[in-house]
Protein backbone atom coordinates (compact mmCIF):
# COMPACT_ATOMS: atom_id res chain seq x y z
CA MET A 1 45.25 -20.01 45.99
CA LYS A 2 41.74 -18.56 45.64
CA LYS A 3 41.37 -16.01 42.88
CA ARG A 4 39.61 -12.76 43.83
CA ASN A 5 36.63 -11.75 41.71
CA LYS A 6 37.62 -8.52 39.95
CA HIS A 7 33.97 -7.42 39.75
CA ILE A 8 33.51 -7.21 43.50
CA GLY A 9 34.35 -3.84 44.99
CA PRO A 10 34.52 -2.54 48.53
CA SER A 11 31.80 -3.10 51.08
CA LEU A 12 28.84 -0.73 51.16
CA ASP A 13 30.17 0.92 54.33
CA GLU A 14 33.56 1.45 52.69
CA PHE A 15 31.90 2.92 49.60
CA LEU A 16 29.71 5.29 51.62
CA LYS A 17 32.72 6.35 53.69
CA GLU A 18 34.71 7.08 50.52
CA GLU A 19 31.79 9.17 49.24
CA GLY A 20 31.65 11.04 52.56
CA VAL A 21 28.05 10.07 53.34
CA LEU A 22 28.39 7.14 55.74
CA GLU A 23 27.22 8.91 58.90
CA GLU A 24 24.45 10.77 57.09
CA THR A 25 23.23 7.50 55.57
CA ARG A 26 23.32 5.69 58.91
CA ALA A 27 21.30 8.49 60.54
CA ALA A 28 18.72 8.39 57.75
CA VAL A 29 18.38 4.61 58.01
CA LEU A 30 18.00 4.83 61.79
CA LYS A 31 15.26 7.46 61.46
CA GLU A 32 13.44 5.41 58.79
CA THR A 33 13.65 2.31 60.97
CA LEU A 34 12.28 4.11 64.03
CA ALA A 35 9.43 5.63 62.00
CA TRP A 36 8.60 2.17 60.63
CA GLN A 37 8.68 0.60 64.10
CA ILE A 38 6.35 3.27 65.48
CA GLN A 39 3.94 2.79 62.58
CA GLN A 40 4.00 -0.99 63.10
CA ALA A 41 3.27 -0.59 66.80
CA MET A 42 0.41 1.77 65.99
CA GLU A 43 -1.06 -0.74 63.53
CA THR A 44 -0.62 -3.67 65.93
CA ASP A 45 -2.31 -1.78 68.76
CA LYS A 46 -4.90 -0.22 66.40
CA ILE A 47 -3.92 3.32 67.36
CA SER A 48 -5.09 6.01 64.93
CA LYS A 49 -2.93 9.02 64.12
CA VAL A 50 -5.38 11.26 65.97
CA GLU A 51 -5.13 9.07 69.08
CA MET A 52 -1.35 8.83 68.77
CA ALA A 53 -1.02 12.61 68.56
CA ARG A 54 -3.27 12.95 71.62
CA ARG A 55 -1.16 10.44 73.57
CA MET A 56 2.01 12.30 72.61
CA LYS A 57 0.41 15.66 73.47
CA THR A 58 1.31 17.01 70.05
CA SER A 59 -0.35 17.93 66.78
CA ARG A 60 -1.24 15.61 63.94
CA ALA A 61 1.18 17.57 61.72
CA ALA A 62 4.03 16.92 64.18
CA LEU A 63 3.16 13.22 64.20
CA ASP A 64 3.18 13.18 60.39
CA ARG A 65 6.69 14.70 60.45
CA LEU A 66 7.78 12.01 62.90
CA LEU A 67 6.39 9.23 60.71
CA ASP A 68 7.85 10.71 57.51
CA PRO A 69 10.96 8.60 56.79
CA GLY A 70 12.52 11.46 54.83
CA ASN A 71 12.25 13.98 57.65
CA ALA A 72 15.39 13.66 59.74
CA SER A 73 14.70 16.63 62.03
CA VAL A 74 13.13 14.71 64.90
CA THR A 75 14.32 15.16 68.47
CA LEU A 76 15.10 12.39 70.92
CA GLN A 77 12.37 13.79 73.16
CA THR A 78 9.78 13.34 70.39
CA LEU A 79 10.99 9.81 69.67
CA SER A 80 10.81 8.98 73.37
CA ARG A 81 7.25 10.35 73.66
CA ALA A 82 6.23 8.32 70.61
CA ALA A 83 7.73 5.16 72.07
CA HIS A 84 5.92 5.65 75.37
CA ALA A 85 2.67 6.43 73.54
CA VAL A 86 2.75 2.91 72.07
CA GLY A 87 3.87 1.32 75.33
CA ARG A 88 7.51 0.89 74.38
CA ASP A 89 10.84 2.32 75.53
CA LEU A 90 13.40 4.06 73.35
CA ARG A 91 16.93 2.75 73.74
CA ILE A 92 19.91 4.39 72.12
CA GLU A 93 23.44 3.16 72.64
CA LEU A 94 26.92 3.72 71.36
CA VAL A 95 28.49 0.68 69.75
């Protein structure tokens, strides 16, 4: 019989759920990932922030909020406009 390591605790998801921050953490990670992907696409396509804001028909300040990983108050509409501005589609699904 295999002996369980007493130093190994629950999974990260289980820990976050016990702490009551699982959904909040998932949302923050999703936002950070999307901001990173948009920045990567901008760099790949050599799109400046000024040009990106123009393509999105928004201000540079609004774009900075979108690209700020710590700012979670971004709408789906803004994310969709950002995706289209870099020639991509935004897909969101329930799993």
